[in-house]
N, C-alpha and C. Protein backbone atom coordinates (compact mmCIF):
# COMPACT_ATOMS: atom_id res chain seq x y z
N MET A 1 -42.12 -147.74 -33.35
CA MET A 1 -41.68 -148.23 -34.63
C MET A 1 -40.33 -147.62 -34.95
N LYS A 2 -39.44 -148.44 -35.46
CA LYS A 2 -38.12 -147.96 -35.82
C LYS A 2 -38.19 -147.26 -37.17
N LYS A 3 -37.56 -146.11 -37.26
CA LYS A 3 -37.56 -145.34 -38.51
C LYS A 3 -36.58 -145.96 -39.50
N THR A 4 -36.99 -145.96 -40.76
CA THR A 4 -36.08 -146.38 -41.82
C THR A 4 -35.94 -145.22 -42.78
N SER A 5 -34.86 -145.18 -43.48
CA SER A 5 -34.67 -144.12 -44.46
C SER A 5 -35.28 -144.52 -45.80
N LEU A 6 -36.01 -145.64 -45.80
CA LEU A 6 -36.58 -146.16 -47.03
C LEU A 6 -38.02 -145.67 -47.17
N SER A 7 -38.45 -145.57 -48.39
CA SER A 7 -39.83 -145.16 -48.64
C SER A 7 -40.67 -146.40 -48.96
N SER A 8 -40.36 -147.51 -48.37
CA SER A 8 -41.03 -148.77 -48.63
C SER A 8 -42.07 -149.05 -47.56
N ASN A 9 -43.31 -149.30 -47.97
CA ASN A 9 -44.35 -149.64 -47.00
C ASN A 9 -44.04 -150.95 -46.30
N LEU A 10 -43.54 -151.93 -47.04
CA LEU A 10 -43.20 -153.21 -46.41
C LEU A 10 -42.04 -153.07 -45.44
N SER A 11 -41.08 -152.24 -45.77
CA SER A 11 -39.96 -152.03 -44.84
C SER A 11 -40.48 -151.44 -43.54
N ARG A 12 -41.42 -150.51 -43.63
CA ARG A 12 -41.99 -149.94 -42.41
C ARG A 12 -42.77 -151.00 -41.64
N ALA A 13 -43.54 -151.84 -42.35
CA ALA A 13 -44.30 -152.88 -41.67
C ALA A 13 -43.37 -153.90 -41.02
N PHE A 14 -42.30 -154.28 -41.73
CA PHE A 14 -41.37 -155.27 -41.21
C PHE A 14 -40.48 -154.70 -40.11
N SER A 15 -40.52 -153.40 -39.89
CA SER A 15 -39.69 -152.82 -38.82
C SER A 15 -40.15 -153.30 -37.44
N TYR A 16 -41.35 -153.87 -37.34
CA TYR A 16 -41.82 -154.41 -36.07
C TYR A 16 -41.23 -155.77 -35.75
N LEU A 17 -40.59 -156.41 -36.71
CA LEU A 17 -39.96 -157.71 -36.46
C LEU A 17 -38.75 -157.55 -35.55
N ASP A 18 -38.47 -158.59 -34.77
CA ASP A 18 -37.25 -158.58 -33.96
C ASP A 18 -36.06 -158.43 -34.89
N GLY A 19 -35.21 -157.49 -34.61
CA GLY A 19 -34.03 -157.27 -35.44
C GLY A 19 -34.24 -156.21 -36.51
N GLY A 20 -35.42 -155.62 -36.57
CA GLY A 20 -35.65 -154.54 -37.54
C GLY A 20 -36.20 -155.03 -38.86
N TRP A 21 -36.41 -154.09 -39.77
CA TRP A 21 -37.09 -154.37 -41.03
C TRP A 21 -36.38 -155.41 -41.88
N HIS A 22 -35.07 -155.45 -41.80
CA HIS A 22 -34.33 -156.33 -42.69
C HIS A 22 -34.37 -157.80 -42.26
N SER A 23 -34.87 -158.07 -41.08
CA SER A 23 -34.91 -159.46 -40.62
C SER A 23 -35.98 -160.28 -41.33
N TYR A 24 -36.78 -159.66 -42.21
CA TYR A 24 -37.75 -160.43 -42.99
C TYR A 24 -37.05 -161.49 -43.84
N ILE A 25 -35.80 -161.23 -44.20
CA ILE A 25 -35.06 -162.15 -45.06
C ILE A 25 -34.86 -163.50 -44.36
N ARG A 26 -34.80 -163.47 -43.03
CA ARG A 26 -34.67 -164.71 -42.25
C ARG A 26 -35.88 -165.62 -42.50
N PHE A 27 -37.07 -165.02 -42.56
CA PHE A 27 -38.28 -165.80 -42.82
C PHE A 27 -38.34 -166.26 -44.28
N CYS A 28 -37.75 -165.47 -45.18
CA CYS A 28 -37.66 -165.90 -46.59
C CYS A 28 -36.79 -167.15 -46.69
N ARG A 29 -35.70 -167.18 -45.95
CA ARG A 29 -34.82 -168.35 -45.96
C ARG A 29 -35.53 -169.59 -45.41
N ILE A 30 -36.29 -169.40 -44.34
CA ILE A 30 -37.04 -170.52 -43.76
C ILE A 30 -38.06 -171.04 -44.77
N ALA A 31 -38.77 -170.12 -45.41
CA ALA A 31 -39.77 -170.52 -46.41
C ALA A 31 -39.12 -171.23 -47.59
N ALA A 32 -37.94 -170.77 -48.00
CA ALA A 32 -37.23 -171.41 -49.11
C ALA A 32 -36.80 -172.83 -48.73
N GLN A 33 -36.36 -173.02 -47.51
CA GLN A 33 -35.95 -174.35 -47.05
C GLN A 33 -37.14 -175.30 -46.99
N ASP A 34 -38.32 -174.76 -46.78
CA ASP A 34 -39.53 -175.57 -46.65
C ASP A 34 -40.08 -176.00 -48.01
N GLU A 35 -39.62 -175.34 -49.09
CA GLU A 35 -40.12 -175.65 -50.43
C GLU A 35 -39.55 -176.97 -50.95
N LYS A 36 -40.31 -177.57 -51.84
CA LYS A 36 -39.83 -178.77 -52.53
C LYS A 36 -39.36 -178.36 -53.91
N ASP A 37 -38.24 -178.87 -54.34
CA ASP A 37 -37.73 -178.66 -55.70
C ASP A 37 -37.49 -177.19 -56.05
N GLY A 38 -37.01 -176.40 -55.14
CA GLY A 38 -36.63 -175.03 -55.43
C GLY A 38 -37.71 -174.18 -56.06
N GLY A 39 -38.64 -173.72 -55.25
CA GLY A 39 -39.75 -172.91 -55.73
C GLY A 39 -39.42 -171.43 -55.80
N GLU A 40 -40.46 -170.63 -55.67
CA GLU A 40 -40.35 -169.18 -55.81
C GLU A 40 -39.47 -168.53 -54.74
N MET A 41 -39.59 -168.99 -53.51
CA MET A 41 -38.79 -168.38 -52.45
C MET A 41 -37.31 -168.75 -52.60
N THR A 42 -37.03 -169.92 -53.13
CA THR A 42 -35.65 -170.29 -53.42
C THR A 42 -35.08 -169.35 -54.47
N LYS A 43 -35.90 -169.04 -55.47
CA LYS A 43 -35.48 -168.11 -56.52
C LYS A 43 -35.20 -166.72 -55.91
N LEU A 44 -36.05 -166.29 -54.99
CA LEU A 44 -35.87 -164.98 -54.35
C LEU A 44 -34.57 -164.96 -53.54
N ILE A 45 -34.34 -166.01 -52.75
CA ILE A 45 -33.13 -166.07 -51.92
C ILE A 45 -31.88 -166.17 -52.78
N THR A 46 -31.95 -166.93 -53.86
CA THR A 46 -30.80 -167.04 -54.77
C THR A 46 -30.45 -165.68 -55.34
N HIS A 47 -31.47 -164.93 -55.73
CA HIS A 47 -31.23 -163.58 -56.25
C HIS A 47 -30.64 -162.68 -55.16
N TYR A 48 -31.22 -162.75 -53.97
CA TYR A 48 -30.73 -161.94 -52.85
C TYR A 48 -29.26 -162.24 -52.56
N ASP A 49 -28.91 -163.52 -52.50
CA ASP A 49 -27.53 -163.92 -52.20
C ASP A 49 -26.56 -163.50 -53.30
N SER A 50 -27.06 -163.30 -54.52
CA SER A 50 -26.18 -162.89 -55.62
C SER A 50 -25.86 -161.39 -55.59
N LEU A 51 -26.60 -160.64 -54.78
CA LEU A 51 -26.39 -159.20 -54.69
C LEU A 51 -25.17 -158.90 -53.81
N PRO A 52 -24.46 -157.80 -54.12
CA PRO A 52 -23.37 -157.38 -53.21
C PRO A 52 -23.96 -157.03 -51.83
N VAL A 53 -23.16 -157.18 -50.80
CA VAL A 53 -23.62 -156.93 -49.43
C VAL A 53 -24.19 -155.52 -49.29
N SER A 54 -23.59 -154.55 -49.96
CA SER A 54 -24.09 -153.18 -49.87
C SER A 54 -25.52 -153.07 -50.40
N GLN A 55 -25.84 -153.82 -51.45
CA GLN A 55 -27.20 -153.82 -51.99
C GLN A 55 -28.14 -154.63 -51.13
N GLN A 56 -27.64 -155.70 -50.54
CA GLN A 56 -28.48 -156.53 -49.67
C GLN A 56 -29.02 -155.70 -48.51
N LYS A 57 -28.21 -154.77 -48.00
CA LYS A 57 -28.62 -153.94 -46.88
C LYS A 57 -29.64 -152.89 -47.27
N LYS A 58 -29.71 -152.55 -48.56
CA LYS A 58 -30.57 -151.46 -49.01
C LYS A 58 -31.83 -151.90 -49.74
N ILE A 59 -31.83 -153.10 -50.29
CA ILE A 59 -32.94 -153.51 -51.14
C ILE A 59 -34.22 -153.69 -50.33
N THR A 60 -35.29 -153.11 -50.82
CA THR A 60 -36.57 -153.22 -50.14
C THR A 60 -37.23 -154.54 -50.53
N PRO A 61 -38.15 -155.01 -49.71
CA PRO A 61 -38.84 -156.26 -50.05
C PRO A 61 -39.55 -156.18 -51.41
N GLU A 62 -40.16 -155.03 -51.70
CA GLU A 62 -40.86 -154.87 -52.98
C GLU A 62 -39.89 -155.00 -54.15
N ASN A 63 -38.75 -154.33 -54.05
CA ASN A 63 -37.76 -154.39 -55.14
C ASN A 63 -37.14 -155.79 -55.26
N LEU A 64 -36.94 -156.46 -54.15
CA LEU A 64 -36.41 -157.82 -54.19
C LEU A 64 -37.38 -158.73 -54.94
N CYS A 65 -38.66 -158.58 -54.66
CA CYS A 65 -39.67 -159.39 -55.37
C CYS A 65 -39.67 -159.06 -56.86
N LEU A 66 -39.62 -157.77 -57.19
CA LEU A 66 -39.60 -157.37 -58.60
C LEU A 66 -38.38 -157.91 -59.33
N GLN A 67 -37.23 -157.74 -58.72
CA GLN A 67 -35.99 -158.16 -59.37
C GLN A 67 -35.87 -159.68 -59.50
N SER A 68 -36.45 -160.41 -58.55
CA SER A 68 -36.34 -161.87 -58.60
C SER A 68 -37.50 -162.52 -59.35
N GLY A 69 -38.51 -161.72 -59.71
CA GLY A 69 -39.65 -162.26 -60.45
C GLY A 69 -40.63 -163.04 -59.59
N VAL A 70 -40.70 -162.70 -58.32
CA VAL A 70 -41.61 -163.37 -57.39
C VAL A 70 -42.76 -162.40 -57.09
N SER A 71 -43.99 -162.87 -57.23
CA SER A 71 -45.14 -162.00 -56.96
C SER A 71 -45.24 -161.70 -55.46
N LEU A 72 -45.80 -160.54 -55.14
CA LEU A 72 -45.98 -160.19 -53.73
C LEU A 72 -46.94 -161.16 -53.05
N LYS A 73 -47.92 -161.67 -53.80
CA LYS A 73 -48.86 -162.64 -53.25
C LYS A 73 -48.12 -163.90 -52.81
N THR A 74 -47.22 -164.40 -53.63
CA THR A 74 -46.42 -165.58 -53.28
C THR A 74 -45.51 -165.26 -52.10
N PHE A 75 -44.90 -164.09 -52.15
CA PHE A 75 -44.00 -163.64 -51.08
C PHE A 75 -44.72 -163.66 -49.73
N PHE A 76 -45.88 -163.01 -49.67
CA PHE A 76 -46.63 -162.96 -48.41
C PHE A 76 -47.13 -164.34 -48.00
N GLY A 77 -47.65 -165.08 -48.96
CA GLY A 77 -48.17 -166.41 -48.66
C GLY A 77 -47.10 -167.35 -48.12
N SER A 78 -45.86 -167.09 -48.48
CA SER A 78 -44.75 -167.96 -48.03
C SER A 78 -44.21 -167.57 -46.66
N ILE A 79 -44.11 -166.27 -46.38
CA ILE A 79 -43.44 -165.87 -45.13
C ILE A 79 -44.40 -165.57 -43.98
N LEU A 80 -45.62 -165.16 -44.26
CA LEU A 80 -46.52 -164.80 -43.16
C LEU A 80 -46.82 -165.97 -42.21
N PRO A 81 -47.03 -167.20 -42.72
CA PRO A 81 -47.24 -168.28 -41.75
C PRO A 81 -46.05 -168.47 -40.80
N TRP A 82 -44.84 -168.29 -41.30
CA TRP A 82 -43.66 -168.44 -40.46
C TRP A 82 -43.56 -167.30 -39.46
N ILE A 83 -43.89 -166.08 -39.89
CA ILE A 83 -43.86 -164.93 -38.98
C ILE A 83 -44.90 -165.13 -37.87
N CYS A 84 -46.10 -165.59 -38.24
CA CYS A 84 -47.16 -165.82 -37.24
C CYS A 84 -46.76 -166.91 -36.26
N MET A 85 -46.20 -168.00 -36.77
CA MET A 85 -45.77 -169.09 -35.91
C MET A 85 -44.70 -168.61 -34.93
N TYR A 86 -43.73 -167.87 -35.44
CA TYR A 86 -42.67 -167.34 -34.60
C TYR A 86 -43.24 -166.42 -33.52
N SER A 87 -44.16 -165.54 -33.91
CA SER A 87 -44.75 -164.60 -32.96
C SER A 87 -45.54 -165.33 -31.89
N ASN A 88 -46.32 -166.35 -32.27
CA ASN A 88 -47.12 -167.10 -31.30
C ASN A 88 -46.24 -167.88 -30.33
N VAL A 89 -45.17 -168.46 -30.82
CA VAL A 89 -44.25 -169.19 -29.94
C VAL A 89 -43.58 -168.21 -28.98
N SER A 90 -43.16 -167.06 -29.49
CA SER A 90 -42.55 -166.05 -28.62
C SER A 90 -43.51 -165.61 -27.53
N ALA A 91 -44.77 -165.38 -27.90
CA ALA A 91 -45.77 -164.96 -26.92
C ALA A 91 -46.00 -166.05 -25.88
N SER A 92 -46.01 -167.30 -26.29
CA SER A 92 -46.20 -168.41 -25.34
C SER A 92 -45.05 -168.49 -24.36
N ILE A 93 -43.84 -168.29 -24.84
CA ILE A 93 -42.67 -168.34 -23.95
C ILE A 93 -42.72 -167.19 -22.95
N ILE A 94 -43.05 -166.00 -23.43
CA ILE A 94 -43.15 -164.84 -22.53
C ILE A 94 -44.23 -165.07 -21.48
N THR A 95 -45.38 -165.59 -21.91
CA THR A 95 -46.47 -165.89 -20.98
C THR A 95 -46.02 -166.89 -19.92
N ALA A 96 -45.36 -167.93 -20.35
CA ALA A 96 -44.91 -168.96 -19.41
C ALA A 96 -43.89 -168.39 -18.42
N MET A 97 -43.02 -167.53 -18.89
CA MET A 97 -41.97 -166.97 -18.03
C MET A 97 -42.54 -166.02 -16.97
N TYR A 98 -43.55 -165.21 -17.35
CA TYR A 98 -44.07 -164.21 -16.43
C TYR A 98 -45.27 -164.69 -15.62
N ASN A 99 -45.83 -165.84 -15.96
CA ASN A 99 -47.03 -166.33 -15.28
C ASN A 99 -46.85 -166.43 -13.77
N PRO A 100 -45.79 -167.04 -13.25
CA PRO A 100 -45.65 -167.12 -11.79
C PRO A 100 -45.60 -165.74 -11.12
N SER A 101 -44.89 -164.82 -11.72
CA SER A 101 -44.77 -163.48 -11.15
C SER A 101 -46.12 -162.75 -11.15
N VAL A 102 -46.86 -162.88 -12.23
CA VAL A 102 -48.17 -162.23 -12.32
C VAL A 102 -49.14 -162.83 -11.31
N ILE A 103 -49.12 -164.16 -11.19
CA ILE A 103 -50.00 -164.82 -10.22
C ILE A 103 -49.64 -164.38 -8.80
N GLU A 104 -48.36 -164.29 -8.52
CA GLU A 104 -47.92 -163.87 -7.18
C GLU A 104 -48.40 -162.45 -6.88
N LYS A 105 -48.24 -161.55 -7.83
CA LYS A 105 -48.68 -160.16 -7.62
C LYS A 105 -50.20 -160.07 -7.53
N THR A 106 -50.91 -160.90 -8.29
CA THR A 106 -52.37 -160.91 -8.21
C THR A 106 -52.81 -161.40 -6.84
N ALA A 107 -52.13 -162.43 -6.33
CA ALA A 107 -52.47 -162.96 -5.00
C ALA A 107 -52.22 -161.90 -3.93
N LYS A 108 -51.11 -161.18 -4.01
CA LYS A 108 -50.81 -160.14 -3.02
C LYS A 108 -51.84 -159.02 -3.10
N ALA A 109 -52.22 -158.64 -4.32
CA ALA A 109 -53.22 -157.59 -4.48
C ALA A 109 -54.58 -158.05 -3.94
N ALA A 110 -54.88 -159.34 -4.08
CA ALA A 110 -56.16 -159.87 -3.60
C ALA A 110 -56.25 -159.81 -2.08
N LEU A 111 -55.11 -159.82 -1.41
CA LEU A 111 -55.10 -159.74 0.05
C LEU A 111 -55.21 -158.30 0.56
N GLY A 112 -55.12 -157.35 -0.33
CA GLY A 112 -55.13 -155.95 0.05
C GLY A 112 -56.49 -155.46 0.50
N ARG A 113 -56.49 -154.21 0.94
CA ARG A 113 -57.72 -153.58 1.43
C ARG A 113 -58.10 -152.38 0.58
N GLY A 114 -57.58 -152.32 -0.63
CA GLY A 114 -57.84 -151.17 -1.49
C GLY A 114 -59.26 -151.14 -2.02
N ARG A 115 -59.54 -150.07 -2.73
CA ARG A 115 -60.88 -149.82 -3.26
C ARG A 115 -61.33 -150.93 -4.21
N TYR A 116 -60.40 -151.48 -4.98
CA TYR A 116 -60.75 -152.49 -5.97
C TYR A 116 -60.18 -153.88 -5.64
N SER A 117 -59.80 -154.11 -4.39
CA SER A 117 -59.20 -155.39 -4.04
C SER A 117 -60.19 -156.54 -4.20
N HIS A 118 -61.48 -156.27 -4.14
CA HIS A 118 -62.46 -157.34 -4.36
C HIS A 118 -62.37 -157.85 -5.80
N LYS A 119 -62.02 -156.99 -6.73
CA LYS A 119 -61.82 -157.42 -8.12
C LYS A 119 -60.57 -158.28 -8.24
N ASP A 120 -59.54 -157.94 -7.48
CA ASP A 120 -58.32 -158.76 -7.48
C ASP A 120 -58.60 -160.14 -6.91
N ARG A 121 -59.40 -160.20 -5.85
CA ARG A 121 -59.77 -161.49 -5.27
C ARG A 121 -60.57 -162.31 -6.27
N GLU A 122 -61.52 -161.68 -6.93
CA GLU A 122 -62.33 -162.38 -7.92
C GLU A 122 -61.46 -162.93 -9.05
N LEU A 123 -60.54 -162.12 -9.55
CA LEU A 123 -59.64 -162.55 -10.61
C LEU A 123 -58.77 -163.71 -10.15
N PHE A 124 -58.23 -163.60 -8.94
CA PHE A 124 -57.37 -164.67 -8.43
C PHE A 124 -58.15 -165.98 -8.30
N LEU A 125 -59.36 -165.91 -7.80
CA LEU A 125 -60.17 -167.12 -7.64
C LEU A 125 -60.54 -167.73 -9.00
N LYS A 126 -60.77 -166.91 -9.99
CA LYS A 126 -61.05 -167.42 -11.34
C LYS A 126 -59.82 -168.08 -11.94
N VAL A 127 -58.67 -167.44 -11.79
CA VAL A 127 -57.42 -167.99 -12.33
C VAL A 127 -57.07 -169.31 -11.66
N SER A 128 -57.31 -169.38 -10.35
CA SER A 128 -56.96 -170.61 -9.61
C SER A 128 -57.98 -171.71 -9.83
N GLY A 129 -59.12 -171.39 -10.41
CA GLY A 129 -60.15 -172.40 -10.67
C GLY A 129 -61.14 -172.57 -9.54
N ALA A 130 -60.99 -171.81 -8.46
CA ALA A 130 -61.90 -171.92 -7.32
C ALA A 130 -63.24 -171.25 -7.61
N LEU A 131 -63.25 -170.31 -8.52
CA LEU A 131 -64.47 -169.61 -8.90
C LEU A 131 -64.69 -169.84 -10.39
N PRO A 132 -65.85 -170.36 -10.77
CA PRO A 132 -66.05 -170.64 -12.19
C PRO A 132 -66.06 -169.35 -13.01
N ALA A 133 -65.39 -169.41 -14.13
CA ALA A 133 -65.38 -168.28 -15.06
C ALA A 133 -66.49 -168.52 -16.08
N PRO A 134 -67.21 -167.48 -16.46
CA PRO A 134 -68.28 -167.67 -17.44
C PRO A 134 -67.72 -168.16 -18.77
N LYS A 135 -68.45 -169.09 -19.36
CA LYS A 135 -68.02 -169.61 -20.66
C LYS A 135 -68.44 -168.62 -21.74
N PRO A 136 -67.62 -168.46 -22.76
CA PRO A 136 -67.98 -167.53 -23.82
C PRO A 136 -69.22 -168.03 -24.57
N THR A 137 -70.01 -167.09 -25.03
CA THR A 137 -71.20 -167.42 -25.79
C THR A 137 -70.80 -167.97 -27.14
N SER A 138 -71.47 -169.03 -27.55
CA SER A 138 -71.18 -169.57 -28.87
C SER A 138 -72.50 -169.73 -29.63
N ILE A 139 -72.42 -169.52 -30.89
CA ILE A 139 -73.58 -169.66 -31.76
C ILE A 139 -73.25 -170.74 -32.77
N GLN A 140 -74.12 -171.71 -32.87
CA GLN A 140 -73.91 -172.79 -33.83
C GLN A 140 -74.94 -172.64 -34.93
N ILE A 141 -74.47 -172.67 -36.15
CA ILE A 141 -75.34 -172.57 -37.31
C ILE A 141 -75.26 -173.89 -38.05
N LEU A 142 -76.41 -174.52 -38.20
CA LEU A 142 -76.48 -175.77 -38.93
C LEU A 142 -77.04 -175.45 -40.31
N ASN A 143 -76.20 -175.52 -41.30
CA ASN A 143 -76.59 -175.18 -42.66
C ASN A 143 -76.72 -176.45 -43.47
N GLN A 144 -77.97 -176.94 -43.58
CA GLN A 144 -78.21 -178.15 -44.34
C GLN A 144 -79.14 -177.84 -45.50
N ASN A 145 -78.89 -178.45 -46.60
CA ASN A 145 -79.75 -178.30 -47.76
C ASN A 145 -80.83 -179.37 -47.67
N SER A 146 -81.91 -179.05 -46.95
CA SER A 146 -82.95 -180.03 -46.71
C SER A 146 -84.31 -179.36 -46.87
N PRO A 147 -85.23 -179.98 -47.60
CA PRO A 147 -86.55 -179.38 -47.78
C PRO A 147 -87.46 -179.60 -46.58
N ILE A 148 -87.01 -180.30 -45.57
CA ILE A 148 -87.86 -180.60 -44.42
C ILE A 148 -87.44 -179.70 -43.26
N ALA A 149 -88.41 -178.98 -42.72
CA ALA A 149 -88.17 -178.12 -41.57
C ALA A 149 -88.75 -178.78 -40.34
N GLN A 150 -88.37 -178.31 -39.18
CA GLN A 150 -88.91 -178.84 -37.93
C GLN A 150 -89.99 -177.90 -37.43
N SER A 151 -91.11 -178.46 -37.01
CA SER A 151 -92.17 -177.65 -36.43
C SER A 151 -91.82 -177.38 -34.97
N SER A 152 -92.62 -176.59 -34.31
CA SER A 152 -92.36 -176.28 -32.91
C SER A 152 -92.48 -177.51 -32.03
N SER A 153 -93.23 -178.52 -32.48
CA SER A 153 -93.35 -179.75 -31.69
C SER A 153 -92.17 -180.68 -31.91
N GLY A 154 -91.32 -180.36 -32.90
CA GLY A 154 -90.16 -181.19 -33.15
C GLY A 154 -90.36 -182.18 -34.28
N SER A 155 -91.59 -182.36 -34.71
CA SER A 155 -91.82 -183.29 -35.82
C SER A 155 -91.57 -182.58 -37.14
N PRO A 156 -91.06 -183.30 -38.15
CA PRO A 156 -90.74 -182.65 -39.43
C PRO A 156 -92.00 -182.22 -40.18
N MET A 157 -91.86 -181.13 -40.91
CA MET A 157 -92.94 -180.67 -41.78
C MET A 157 -92.35 -180.24 -43.11
N ARG A 158 -93.11 -180.39 -44.18
CA ARG A 158 -92.64 -180.03 -45.50
C ARG A 158 -92.90 -178.55 -45.74
N LEU A 159 -91.89 -177.85 -46.25
CA LEU A 159 -92.05 -176.44 -46.58
C LEU A 159 -92.79 -176.31 -47.91
N PRO A 160 -93.64 -175.31 -48.06
CA PRO A 160 -94.33 -175.13 -49.34
C PRO A 160 -93.35 -174.67 -50.41
N SER A 161 -93.63 -175.07 -51.63
CA SER A 161 -92.80 -174.62 -52.74
C SER A 161 -93.13 -173.16 -53.05
N PRO A 162 -92.25 -172.46 -53.78
CA PRO A 162 -92.56 -171.08 -54.16
C PRO A 162 -93.86 -170.97 -54.96
N ALA A 163 -94.14 -171.96 -55.79
CA ALA A 163 -95.38 -171.92 -56.59
C ALA A 163 -96.60 -172.02 -55.67
N GLU A 164 -96.50 -172.86 -54.63
CA GLU A 164 -97.61 -172.98 -53.69
C GLU A 164 -97.80 -171.68 -52.91
N ASP A 165 -96.71 -171.00 -52.57
CA ASP A 165 -96.80 -169.71 -51.89
C ASP A 165 -97.54 -168.71 -52.75
N VAL A 166 -97.20 -168.65 -54.04
CA VAL A 166 -97.84 -167.70 -54.95
C VAL A 166 -99.33 -168.02 -55.07
N MET A 167 -99.65 -169.31 -55.23
CA MET A 167 -101.06 -169.70 -55.35
C MET A 167 -101.83 -169.34 -54.08
N GLU A 168 -101.23 -169.51 -52.93
CA GLU A 168 -101.88 -169.18 -51.66
C GLU A 168 -102.10 -167.68 -51.55
N LEU A 169 -101.10 -166.89 -51.96
CA LEU A 169 -101.26 -165.44 -51.94
C LEU A 169 -102.36 -164.98 -52.88
N GLU A 170 -102.39 -165.58 -54.08
CA GLU A 170 -103.42 -165.21 -55.05
C GLU A 170 -104.80 -165.59 -54.52
N ALA A 171 -104.92 -166.75 -53.87
CA ALA A 171 -106.19 -167.17 -53.30
C ALA A 171 -106.63 -166.22 -52.19
N GLY A 172 -105.68 -165.76 -51.43
CA GLY A 172 -105.98 -164.80 -50.37
C GLY A 172 -106.45 -163.47 -50.92
N ASP A 173 -105.84 -163.03 -52.06
CA ASP A 173 -106.26 -161.77 -52.69
C ASP A 173 -107.70 -161.86 -53.19
N ASN A 174 -108.09 -163.03 -53.71
CA ASN A 174 -109.45 -163.19 -54.23
C ASN A 174 -110.47 -163.18 -53.12
N GLU A 175 -110.12 -163.68 -51.96
CA GLU A 175 -111.06 -163.73 -50.85
C GLU A 175 -111.35 -162.34 -50.31
N LEU A 176 -110.38 -161.43 -50.39
CA LEU A 176 -110.58 -160.09 -49.86
C LEU A 176 -111.46 -159.23 -50.74
N ASP A 177 -111.63 -159.57 -52.02
CA ASP A 177 -112.42 -158.74 -52.96
C ASP A 177 -113.86 -158.78 -52.68
C-alpha cells in the first residue's frame, strides 16, 4: 500500500487504485457523465473543478463530499460499480495475456519427473478438458408459500393447522394419564 500523508481512511483505501489514492476522481467523473440531468456526482465534480489545483491535490474524498454536499452513501453508490467494472476488465485482460504462458509452463511441469508432477499432469488434463473437473456443489431452495407438502411417496398431503397440532398434543396428554 502506498503511504499518504493524509489521515483519511478513504484516501488509504483508494491508494490501491492504479495511479494512487487521488485517481478516485477519475471514477467520479465517469459516474457524473453517466448521470441524467446533472445529479449528485455532477455537483461533486463541479465543486472539485472550482477548487485551485493546490487544493485539488490535497482534498480528501470525505472533505470533498462534505464541501459539495454529497452524502458518502451516494458517493460510494456512484463510483464503486465503475471501480468494480474496471477491476474486472483489468483482471480479464491480464488473464488473457498470461494464459498461454501459464498453460505452456503447466504442460512442461506435467512432463517432469518431480515429486508432485502427477498433480501437474492432473491439472493440465483438467484445463485441457481431457479429464473432467468436478462440478461445484449447488443447493437449490424452493421457497413457496403453499399449504400442501409432498409425502415420501410424492403425492401431496395437507399439513395440519396449528390448532389441530395443539388439539392432537392435548389428546395425547389425556391418554397418558
